[in-house]
N, C-alpha and C. Protein backbone atom coordinates (compact mmCIF):
# COMPACT_ATOMS: atom_id res chain seq x y z
N MET A 1 -14.82 62.44 19.14
CA MET A 1 -16.06 61.71 19.22
C MET A 1 -16.00 60.44 18.38
N ARG A 2 -15.47 60.54 17.19
CA ARG A 2 -15.38 59.39 16.29
C ARG A 2 -14.41 58.36 16.88
N LEU A 3 -13.33 58.80 17.48
CA LEU A 3 -12.35 57.90 18.10
C LEU A 3 -12.99 57.13 19.26
N ARG A 4 -13.80 57.82 20.03
CA ARG A 4 -14.50 57.16 21.15
C ARG A 4 -15.43 56.07 20.62
N SER A 5 -16.13 56.31 19.57
CA SER A 5 -17.04 55.32 18.97
C SER A 5 -16.26 54.09 18.49
N VAL A 6 -15.14 54.33 17.85
CA VAL A 6 -14.32 53.23 17.35
C VAL A 6 -13.79 52.40 18.51
N VAL A 7 -13.35 53.04 19.56
CA VAL A 7 -12.83 52.33 20.73
C VAL A 7 -13.94 51.51 21.39
N LEU A 8 -15.11 52.08 21.55
CA LEU A 8 -16.23 51.36 22.15
C LEU A 8 -16.65 50.15 21.31
N ILE A 9 -16.69 50.31 20.02
CA ILE A 9 -17.03 49.19 19.14
C ILE A 9 -15.96 48.11 19.25
N PHE A 10 -14.71 48.50 19.28
CA PHE A 10 -13.62 47.54 19.41
C PHE A 10 -13.72 46.75 20.72
N LEU A 11 -13.98 47.45 21.82
CA LEU A 11 -14.12 46.79 23.11
C LEU A 11 -15.33 45.85 23.13
N ALA A 12 -16.43 46.29 22.53
CA ALA A 12 -17.63 45.44 22.48
C ALA A 12 -17.33 44.16 21.70
N LEU A 13 -16.65 44.29 20.57
CA LEU A 13 -16.29 43.10 19.78
C LEU A 13 -15.34 42.19 20.55
N LEU A 14 -14.40 42.78 21.24
CA LEU A 14 -13.45 42.01 22.02
C LEU A 14 -14.15 41.22 23.13
N ILE A 15 -15.07 41.86 23.83
CA ILE A 15 -15.82 41.19 24.90
C ILE A 15 -16.70 40.09 24.32
N PHE A 16 -17.40 40.39 23.23
CA PHE A 16 -18.26 39.40 22.59
C PHE A 16 -17.45 38.19 22.13
N ASP A 17 -16.29 38.44 21.53
CA ASP A 17 -15.44 37.36 21.03
C ASP A 17 -14.92 36.49 22.17
N SER A 18 -14.48 37.10 23.26
CA SER A 18 -13.94 36.31 24.37
C SER A 18 -15.05 35.52 25.08
N SER A 19 -16.26 36.08 25.15
CA SER A 19 -17.35 35.34 25.80
C SER A 19 -17.79 34.17 24.93
N ALA A 20 -17.71 34.31 23.62
CA ALA A 20 -18.09 33.21 22.72
C ALA A 20 -17.10 32.06 22.86
N HIS A 21 -15.82 32.38 23.00
CA HIS A 21 -14.82 31.33 23.17
C HIS A 21 -14.88 30.69 24.55
N ALA A 22 -15.26 31.44 25.55
CA ALA A 22 -15.31 30.91 26.91
C ALA A 22 -16.37 29.84 27.05
N SER A 23 -17.47 29.95 26.33
CA SER A 23 -18.53 28.95 26.46
C SER A 23 -18.16 27.64 25.79
N VAL A 24 -17.18 27.65 24.88
CA VAL A 24 -16.78 26.44 24.18
C VAL A 24 -15.87 25.59 25.05
N PHE A 25 -15.10 26.20 25.94
CA PHE A 25 -14.14 25.49 26.77
C PHE A 25 -14.85 24.65 27.82
N VAL A 26 -14.53 23.36 27.87
CA VAL A 26 -15.08 22.46 28.88
C VAL A 26 -13.90 21.73 29.52
N PRO A 27 -13.75 21.83 30.82
CA PRO A 27 -12.62 21.13 31.45
C PRO A 27 -12.80 19.62 31.34
N GLN A 28 -11.67 18.90 31.23
CA GLN A 28 -11.73 17.46 31.07
C GLN A 28 -12.26 16.78 32.33
N GLN A 29 -11.54 16.88 33.38
CA GLN A 29 -11.98 16.29 34.64
C GLN A 29 -11.38 17.11 35.76
N ALA A 30 -12.22 17.57 36.65
CA ALA A 30 -11.75 18.43 37.73
C ALA A 30 -10.92 17.63 38.72
N LYS A 31 -9.72 18.11 38.99
CA LYS A 31 -8.85 17.47 39.98
C LYS A 31 -9.26 17.98 41.35
N LYS A 32 -9.32 17.09 42.30
CA LYS A 32 -9.64 17.49 43.66
C LYS A 32 -8.50 18.35 44.17
N ASP A 33 -8.83 19.51 44.71
CA ASP A 33 -7.79 20.45 45.10
C ASP A 33 -7.02 20.02 46.34
N TYR A 34 -7.48 19.01 47.03
CA TYR A 34 -6.77 18.57 48.23
C TYR A 34 -5.90 17.35 47.97
N LEU A 35 -5.85 16.87 46.75
CA LEU A 35 -5.00 15.73 46.40
C LEU A 35 -3.75 16.23 45.68
N THR A 36 -2.63 15.58 45.96
CA THR A 36 -1.42 15.90 45.21
C THR A 36 -1.56 15.28 43.82
N ASP A 37 -0.67 15.65 42.92
CA ASP A 37 -0.73 15.11 41.57
C ASP A 37 -0.56 13.59 41.57
N SER A 38 0.36 13.09 42.39
CA SER A 38 0.58 11.64 42.42
C SER A 38 -0.63 10.92 43.02
N GLU A 39 -1.27 11.53 44.02
CA GLU A 39 -2.47 10.92 44.60
C GLU A 39 -3.61 10.91 43.59
N ALA A 40 -3.77 12.00 42.87
CA ALA A 40 -4.81 12.06 41.84
C ALA A 40 -4.56 10.99 40.77
N ASP A 41 -3.28 10.78 40.42
CA ASP A 41 -2.95 9.73 39.45
C ASP A 41 -3.30 8.35 40.00
N ARG A 42 -3.01 8.12 41.27
CA ARG A 42 -3.34 6.83 41.88
C ARG A 42 -4.84 6.59 41.89
N ILE A 43 -5.62 7.63 42.15
CA ILE A 43 -7.08 7.51 42.13
C ILE A 43 -7.55 7.20 40.72
N ARG A 44 -6.99 7.90 39.74
CA ARG A 44 -7.36 7.69 38.35
C ARG A 44 -7.00 6.27 37.89
N ASP A 45 -5.87 5.76 38.37
CA ASP A 45 -5.42 4.43 37.98
C ASP A 45 -6.24 3.32 38.64
N ALA A 46 -6.82 3.60 39.77
CA ALA A 46 -7.66 2.61 40.46
C ALA A 46 -8.99 2.54 39.72
N MET A 47 -9.26 1.42 39.13
CA MET A 47 -10.43 1.30 38.27
C MET A 47 -11.73 1.06 39.04
N LEU A 48 -11.65 0.36 40.16
CA LEU A 48 -12.86 -0.04 40.87
C LEU A 48 -13.07 0.75 42.16
N PRO A 49 -14.32 0.95 42.55
CA PRO A 49 -14.62 1.66 43.79
C PRO A 49 -13.94 1.09 45.04
N PRO A 50 -13.80 -0.25 45.19
CA PRO A 50 -13.12 -0.74 46.39
C PRO A 50 -11.67 -0.26 46.49
N ASP A 51 -10.99 -0.21 45.35
CA ASP A 51 -9.60 0.26 45.35
C ASP A 51 -9.53 1.75 45.68
N ARG A 52 -10.46 2.51 45.12
CA ARG A 52 -10.50 3.94 45.39
C ARG A 52 -10.88 4.21 46.84
N LEU A 53 -11.77 3.40 47.37
CA LEU A 53 -12.19 3.53 48.77
C LEU A 53 -10.98 3.39 49.69
N LYS A 54 -10.17 2.36 49.44
CA LYS A 54 -8.96 2.16 50.25
C LYS A 54 -8.02 3.36 50.14
N LEU A 55 -7.86 3.88 48.92
CA LEU A 55 -6.97 5.01 48.72
C LEU A 55 -7.46 6.26 49.45
N PHE A 56 -8.75 6.55 49.35
CA PHE A 56 -9.27 7.74 50.02
C PHE A 56 -9.14 7.63 51.54
N VAL A 57 -9.35 6.44 52.09
CA VAL A 57 -9.18 6.27 53.54
C VAL A 57 -7.71 6.46 53.93
N SER A 58 -6.81 5.94 53.11
CA SER A 58 -5.38 6.12 53.43
C SER A 58 -4.97 7.59 53.30
N PHE A 59 -5.54 8.31 52.32
CA PHE A 59 -5.23 9.73 52.18
C PHE A 59 -5.79 10.52 53.36
N ALA A 60 -6.98 10.14 53.83
CA ALA A 60 -7.57 10.80 55.00
C ALA A 60 -6.69 10.59 56.22
N GLU A 61 -6.20 9.36 56.38
CA GLU A 61 -5.31 9.06 57.50
C GLU A 61 -4.04 9.91 57.42
N ASP A 62 -3.52 10.05 56.22
CA ASP A 62 -2.32 10.86 56.01
C ASP A 62 -2.57 12.32 56.40
N ARG A 63 -3.71 12.87 56.00
CA ARG A 63 -4.02 14.27 56.32
C ARG A 63 -4.17 14.47 57.83
N LEU A 64 -4.78 13.49 58.49
CA LEU A 64 -4.97 13.61 59.93
C LEU A 64 -3.63 13.54 60.67
N LYS A 65 -2.72 12.67 60.20
CA LYS A 65 -1.38 12.60 60.80
C LYS A 65 -0.61 13.89 60.57
N LYS A 66 -0.73 14.45 59.38
CA LYS A 66 -0.06 15.71 59.08
C LYS A 66 -0.61 16.83 59.95
N PHE A 67 -1.92 16.82 60.19
CA PHE A 67 -2.54 17.82 61.06
C PHE A 67 -1.97 17.71 62.46
N GLN A 68 -1.88 16.49 62.99
CA GLN A 68 -1.34 16.30 64.33
C GLN A 68 0.12 16.72 64.40
N TYR A 69 0.87 16.41 63.35
CA TYR A 69 2.28 16.81 63.31
C TYR A 69 2.40 18.33 63.32
N GLU A 70 1.61 18.98 62.47
CA GLU A 70 1.67 20.44 62.38
C GLU A 70 1.26 21.09 63.70
N LEU A 71 0.29 20.50 64.37
CA LEU A 71 -0.18 21.03 65.64
C LEU A 71 0.89 20.90 66.73
N ALA A 72 1.69 19.85 66.65
CA ALA A 72 2.70 19.58 67.69
C ALA A 72 4.04 20.25 67.41
N ARG A 73 4.21 20.86 66.24
CA ARG A 73 5.49 21.48 65.91
C ARG A 73 5.85 22.59 66.88
N ALA A 74 7.12 22.61 67.26
CA ALA A 74 7.59 23.62 68.21
C ALA A 74 7.73 24.99 67.55
N THR A 75 8.17 24.99 66.30
CA THR A 75 8.31 26.26 65.58
C THR A 75 7.29 26.28 64.44
N PRO A 76 6.13 26.87 64.70
CA PRO A 76 5.07 26.84 63.69
C PRO A 76 5.38 27.73 62.49
N GLU A 77 4.75 27.40 61.37
CA GLU A 77 4.84 28.19 60.16
C GLU A 77 4.12 29.53 60.36
N GLY A 78 4.38 30.47 59.50
CA GLY A 78 3.71 31.76 59.57
C GLY A 78 2.23 31.67 59.24
N ARG A 79 1.88 30.76 58.36
CA ARG A 79 0.49 30.57 57.95
C ARG A 79 -0.11 29.36 58.63
N ARG A 80 0.18 29.17 59.85
CA ARG A 80 -0.21 27.96 60.58
C ARG A 80 -1.71 27.71 60.57
N ALA A 81 -2.51 28.73 60.82
CA ALA A 81 -3.97 28.56 60.86
C ALA A 81 -4.48 28.10 59.50
N GLU A 82 -3.94 28.66 58.43
CA GLU A 82 -4.34 28.27 57.07
C GLU A 82 -3.96 26.81 56.80
N ILE A 83 -2.77 26.42 57.22
CA ILE A 83 -2.30 25.04 57.01
C ILE A 83 -3.17 24.06 57.78
N LEU A 84 -3.45 24.36 59.05
CA LEU A 84 -4.27 23.47 59.87
C LEU A 84 -5.67 23.30 59.28
N ASN A 85 -6.27 24.41 58.87
CA ASN A 85 -7.62 24.34 58.30
C ASN A 85 -7.64 23.61 56.96
N SER A 86 -6.61 23.82 56.15
CA SER A 86 -6.59 23.13 54.86
C SER A 86 -6.38 21.63 55.03
N LEU A 87 -5.60 21.23 56.02
CA LEU A 87 -5.41 19.80 56.28
C LEU A 87 -6.71 19.15 56.76
N LEU A 88 -7.44 19.85 57.62
CA LEU A 88 -8.73 19.31 58.07
C LEU A 88 -9.75 19.27 56.93
N ASN A 89 -9.75 20.28 56.09
CA ASN A 89 -10.64 20.27 54.92
C ASN A 89 -10.29 19.14 53.97
N ALA A 90 -9.00 18.90 53.78
CA ALA A 90 -8.56 17.81 52.91
C ALA A 90 -8.97 16.46 53.50
N TYR A 91 -8.84 16.32 54.81
CA TYR A 91 -9.28 15.10 55.49
C TYR A 91 -10.77 14.88 55.24
N SER A 92 -11.56 15.92 55.44
CA SER A 92 -13.01 15.83 55.24
C SER A 92 -13.35 15.46 53.81
N GLY A 93 -12.63 16.05 52.87
CA GLY A 93 -12.86 15.74 51.46
C GLY A 93 -12.57 14.29 51.14
N CYS A 94 -11.51 13.75 51.71
CA CYS A 94 -11.16 12.35 51.48
C CYS A 94 -12.22 11.42 52.06
N MET A 95 -12.69 11.71 53.25
CA MET A 95 -13.72 10.88 53.86
C MET A 95 -15.04 10.97 53.07
N ASP A 96 -15.35 12.15 52.60
CA ASP A 96 -16.56 12.33 51.80
C ASP A 96 -16.46 11.55 50.48
N ASP A 97 -15.30 11.61 49.85
CA ASP A 97 -15.11 10.87 48.61
C ASP A 97 -15.12 9.36 48.85
N ALA A 98 -14.63 8.93 49.99
CA ALA A 98 -14.69 7.51 50.33
C ALA A 98 -16.15 7.07 50.45
N ALA A 99 -16.97 7.90 51.09
CA ALA A 99 -18.40 7.59 51.21
C ALA A 99 -19.07 7.56 49.83
N ASP A 100 -18.64 8.45 48.94
CA ASP A 100 -19.17 8.43 47.58
C ASP A 100 -18.81 7.14 46.85
N GLN A 101 -17.63 6.61 47.13
CA GLN A 101 -17.23 5.35 46.50
C GLN A 101 -18.08 4.18 46.99
N ILE A 102 -18.53 4.26 48.24
CA ILE A 102 -19.42 3.23 48.77
C ILE A 102 -20.72 3.24 47.97
N ALA A 103 -21.28 4.43 47.77
CA ALA A 103 -22.52 4.55 47.02
C ALA A 103 -22.34 4.06 45.58
N LEU A 104 -21.22 4.38 44.98
CA LEU A 104 -20.94 3.94 43.62
C LEU A 104 -20.81 2.43 43.54
N ALA A 105 -20.14 1.84 44.51
CA ALA A 105 -19.99 0.38 44.53
C ALA A 105 -21.34 -0.30 44.70
N GLN A 106 -22.20 0.26 45.52
CA GLN A 106 -23.53 -0.32 45.70
C GLN A 106 -24.33 -0.21 44.42
N GLU A 107 -24.22 0.92 43.77
CA GLU A 107 -24.95 1.13 42.52
C GLU A 107 -24.52 0.12 41.45
N LYS A 108 -23.22 -0.15 41.40
CA LYS A 108 -22.68 -1.07 40.40
C LYS A 108 -22.64 -2.51 40.90
N GLN A 109 -23.11 -2.73 42.13
CA GLN A 109 -23.15 -4.05 42.76
C GLN A 109 -21.77 -4.71 42.79
N ILE A 110 -20.81 -3.95 43.28
CA ILE A 110 -19.43 -4.44 43.41
C ILE A 110 -19.18 -4.78 44.87
N ASP A 111 -18.50 -5.90 45.10
CA ASP A 111 -18.20 -6.34 46.47
C ASP A 111 -17.18 -5.41 47.11
N ILE A 112 -17.55 -4.85 48.27
CA ILE A 112 -16.66 -3.93 48.98
C ILE A 112 -16.49 -4.33 50.44
N HIS A 113 -16.68 -5.59 50.76
CA HIS A 113 -16.62 -6.02 52.15
C HIS A 113 -15.31 -5.64 52.84
N GLY A 114 -14.19 -6.00 52.23
CA GLY A 114 -12.88 -5.72 52.85
C GLY A 114 -12.63 -4.24 53.06
N PRO A 115 -12.72 -3.44 51.99
CA PRO A 115 -12.49 -2.00 52.16
C PRO A 115 -13.51 -1.34 53.10
N LEU A 116 -14.72 -1.87 53.13
CA LEU A 116 -15.75 -1.31 54.01
C LEU A 116 -15.38 -1.53 55.47
N LYS A 117 -14.89 -2.73 55.79
CA LYS A 117 -14.45 -3.01 57.17
C LYS A 117 -13.27 -2.12 57.55
N THR A 118 -12.36 -1.92 56.59
CA THR A 118 -11.22 -1.03 56.84
C THR A 118 -11.69 0.38 57.12
N MET A 119 -12.64 0.85 56.32
CA MET A 119 -13.15 2.20 56.52
C MET A 119 -13.85 2.33 57.87
N GLN A 120 -14.60 1.31 58.26
CA GLN A 120 -15.28 1.36 59.54
C GLN A 120 -14.30 1.41 60.70
N SER A 121 -13.28 0.56 60.67
CA SER A 121 -12.32 0.55 61.78
C SER A 121 -11.47 1.82 61.80
N LYS A 122 -10.97 2.23 60.62
CA LYS A 122 -10.16 3.45 60.56
C LYS A 122 -11.01 4.67 60.91
N GLY A 123 -12.26 4.69 60.44
CA GLY A 123 -13.14 5.81 60.71
C GLY A 123 -13.39 6.00 62.19
N LYS A 124 -13.53 4.89 62.92
CA LYS A 124 -13.71 4.98 64.37
C LYS A 124 -12.45 5.54 65.03
N GLU A 125 -11.28 5.11 64.56
CA GLU A 125 -10.03 5.66 65.08
C GLU A 125 -9.94 7.16 64.79
N PHE A 126 -10.31 7.54 63.56
CA PHE A 126 -10.26 8.95 63.18
C PHE A 126 -11.19 9.76 64.07
N LEU A 127 -12.38 9.23 64.33
CA LEU A 127 -13.36 9.95 65.14
C LEU A 127 -12.86 10.14 66.57
N GLU A 128 -12.22 9.11 67.12
CA GLU A 128 -11.63 9.24 68.46
C GLU A 128 -10.58 10.34 68.48
N THR A 129 -9.72 10.35 67.49
CA THR A 129 -8.67 11.36 67.40
C THR A 129 -9.27 12.76 67.28
N LEU A 130 -10.26 12.90 66.41
CA LEU A 130 -10.90 14.21 66.22
C LEU A 130 -11.60 14.68 67.49
N ASN A 131 -12.25 13.76 68.18
CA ASN A 131 -12.93 14.13 69.43
C ASN A 131 -11.93 14.57 70.50
N LYS A 132 -10.76 13.92 70.54
CA LYS A 132 -9.72 14.36 71.49
C LYS A 132 -9.23 15.76 71.13
N LEU A 133 -9.06 16.00 69.83
CA LEU A 133 -8.63 17.33 69.39
C LEU A 133 -9.68 18.38 69.69
N ASN A 134 -10.95 17.97 69.71
CA ASN A 134 -12.06 18.89 69.95
C ASN A 134 -12.15 19.32 71.41
N GLU A 135 -11.41 18.66 72.28
CA GLU A 135 -11.40 19.04 73.70
C GLU A 135 -10.62 20.33 73.93
N GLY A 136 -9.90 20.76 72.94
CA GLY A 136 -9.14 22.01 73.06
C GLY A 136 -7.67 21.76 72.89
N GLY A 137 -6.92 22.82 72.85
CA GLY A 137 -5.48 22.71 72.69
C GLY A 137 -4.93 24.01 72.15
N PRO A 138 -3.67 23.96 71.71
CA PRO A 138 -3.06 25.19 71.20
C PRO A 138 -3.77 25.68 69.94
N GLU A 139 -4.10 26.96 69.93
CA GLU A 139 -4.73 27.62 68.78
C GLU A 139 -6.05 26.97 68.37
N TYR A 140 -6.75 26.42 69.32
CA TYR A 140 -8.00 25.70 69.06
C TYR A 140 -9.02 26.58 68.32
N ASP A 141 -9.07 27.85 68.67
CA ASP A 141 -10.05 28.74 68.05
C ASP A 141 -9.81 28.93 66.56
N THR A 142 -8.59 28.74 66.09
CA THR A 142 -8.29 28.95 64.67
C THR A 142 -8.81 27.82 63.78
N TYR A 143 -9.01 26.64 64.35
CA TYR A 143 -9.47 25.51 63.54
C TYR A 143 -10.73 24.85 64.11
N LYS A 144 -11.34 25.45 65.09
CA LYS A 144 -12.49 24.85 65.78
C LYS A 144 -13.63 24.50 64.82
N GLU A 145 -14.05 25.44 63.98
CA GLU A 145 -15.17 25.19 63.07
C GLU A 145 -14.85 24.10 62.06
N THR A 146 -13.65 24.14 61.51
CA THR A 146 -13.23 23.14 60.53
C THR A 146 -13.16 21.76 61.18
N LEU A 147 -12.71 21.71 62.43
CA LEU A 147 -12.64 20.46 63.17
C LEU A 147 -14.04 19.90 63.40
N GLN A 148 -14.97 20.75 63.76
CA GLN A 148 -16.34 20.28 63.98
C GLN A 148 -16.97 19.79 62.67
N ASP A 149 -16.64 20.43 61.56
CA ASP A 149 -17.10 19.95 60.25
C ASP A 149 -16.50 18.58 59.94
N ALA A 150 -15.23 18.40 60.29
CA ALA A 150 -14.56 17.12 60.05
C ALA A 150 -15.19 16.01 60.89
N ILE A 151 -15.56 16.34 62.12
CA ILE A 151 -16.22 15.35 62.99
C ILE A 151 -17.57 14.96 62.39
N GLU A 152 -18.34 15.93 61.96
CA GLU A 152 -19.65 15.64 61.34
C GLU A 152 -19.48 14.83 60.06
N GLY A 153 -18.50 15.20 59.24
CA GLY A 153 -18.24 14.46 58.01
C GLY A 153 -17.85 13.02 58.27
N THR A 154 -17.05 12.81 59.31
CA THR A 154 -16.63 11.45 59.67
C THR A 154 -17.82 10.64 60.16
N LYS A 155 -18.67 11.26 60.97
CA LYS A 155 -19.87 10.57 61.45
C LYS A 155 -20.77 10.19 60.29
N ASP A 156 -20.92 11.10 59.33
CA ASP A 156 -21.75 10.80 58.15
C ASP A 156 -21.15 9.67 57.33
N ALA A 157 -19.84 9.70 57.13
CA ALA A 157 -19.18 8.65 56.35
C ALA A 157 -19.31 7.30 57.06
N LEU A 158 -19.16 7.30 58.39
CA LEU A 158 -19.32 6.05 59.14
C LEU A 158 -20.76 5.55 59.07
N ALA A 159 -21.72 6.46 59.11
CA ALA A 159 -23.12 6.06 58.99
C ALA A 159 -23.38 5.42 57.62
N ASP A 160 -22.79 6.01 56.57
CA ASP A 160 -22.92 5.44 55.23
C ASP A 160 -22.28 4.06 55.17
N ALA A 161 -21.12 3.92 55.80
CA ALA A 161 -20.42 2.63 55.80
C ALA A 161 -21.21 1.58 56.57
N ASP A 162 -21.76 1.96 57.72
CA ASP A 162 -22.56 1.01 58.51
C ASP A 162 -23.82 0.60 57.76
N LYS A 163 -24.46 1.55 57.11
CA LYS A 163 -25.66 1.25 56.33
C LYS A 163 -25.32 0.31 55.18
N ALA A 164 -24.22 0.58 54.51
CA ALA A 164 -23.79 -0.26 53.39
C ALA A 164 -23.43 -1.66 53.86
N ALA A 165 -22.83 -1.77 55.04
CA ALA A 165 -22.44 -3.09 55.56
C ALA A 165 -23.67 -3.95 55.81
N LYS A 166 -24.76 -3.32 56.21
CA LYS A 166 -26.00 -4.06 56.44
C LYS A 166 -26.68 -4.45 55.14
N GLU A 167 -26.57 -3.58 54.12
CA GLU A 167 -27.28 -3.79 52.87
C GLU A 167 -26.52 -4.67 51.89
N VAL A 168 -25.21 -4.65 51.95
CA VAL A 168 -24.41 -5.39 50.98
C VAL A 168 -24.60 -6.89 51.21
N THR A 169 -24.90 -7.57 50.14
CA THR A 169 -25.05 -9.01 50.25
C THR A 169 -23.68 -9.64 50.43
N PRO A 170 -23.61 -10.70 51.21
CA PRO A 170 -22.31 -11.33 51.42
C PRO A 170 -21.78 -11.96 50.14
N ALA A 171 -20.47 -12.05 50.08
CA ALA A 171 -19.83 -12.66 48.93
C ALA A 171 -20.24 -14.12 48.86
N PRO A 172 -20.37 -14.66 47.65
CA PRO A 172 -20.78 -16.06 47.53
C PRO A 172 -19.72 -16.99 48.10
N ILE A 173 -20.18 -18.06 48.70
CA ILE A 173 -19.26 -19.07 49.26
C ILE A 173 -18.99 -20.08 48.16
N ARG A 174 -17.74 -20.25 47.89
CA ARG A 174 -17.35 -21.20 46.85
C ARG A 174 -17.15 -22.57 47.50
N ARG A 175 -17.78 -23.51 46.93
CA ARG A 175 -17.65 -24.88 47.45
C ARG A 175 -16.71 -25.66 46.55
N LYS A 176 -16.05 -26.62 47.16
CA LYS A 176 -15.13 -27.45 46.39
C LYS A 176 -15.95 -28.39 45.50
N PRO A 177 -15.50 -28.54 44.29
CA PRO A 177 -16.23 -29.46 43.39
C PRO A 177 -16.11 -30.89 43.91
N SER A 178 -17.18 -31.63 43.79
CA SER A 178 -17.16 -33.00 44.29
C SER A 178 -16.91 -34.01 43.22
């Protein structure tokens, strides 16, 4: 009986001690789980939203190309459904983060005309590709829901880009000194 009491007190102290230490730990900055380490470094190194916007659009394009490649492979991986869904989720995450950069640039009143036009043109291309994939194909049922989420995310990002293009004031015209 006495041994049981000692063990219970020890366990209670151990749990209390570990919970006290757990509340002190604060992560520095959460890394996006769909970015590679080098991509995360490139995002961190890009100081301004326009630069990050370009990077997120290029990463989204990369994920979409990888998805198409994986879909067309003659000898698929064993975890093919997982790979296809993770690539589409990563694509959606990149497009969502690109839209977040638009909002950040507007908030800070930073000129994003060039990257915004790039996002609009690339986003339309992405949407066409996603809509073609949505018509069906090999193993369509395994990624159908994720694909539809990606289509909705792309439409939302394009709507944000179109809205920002209308709201953003044009860059000042510099005149030659007389």
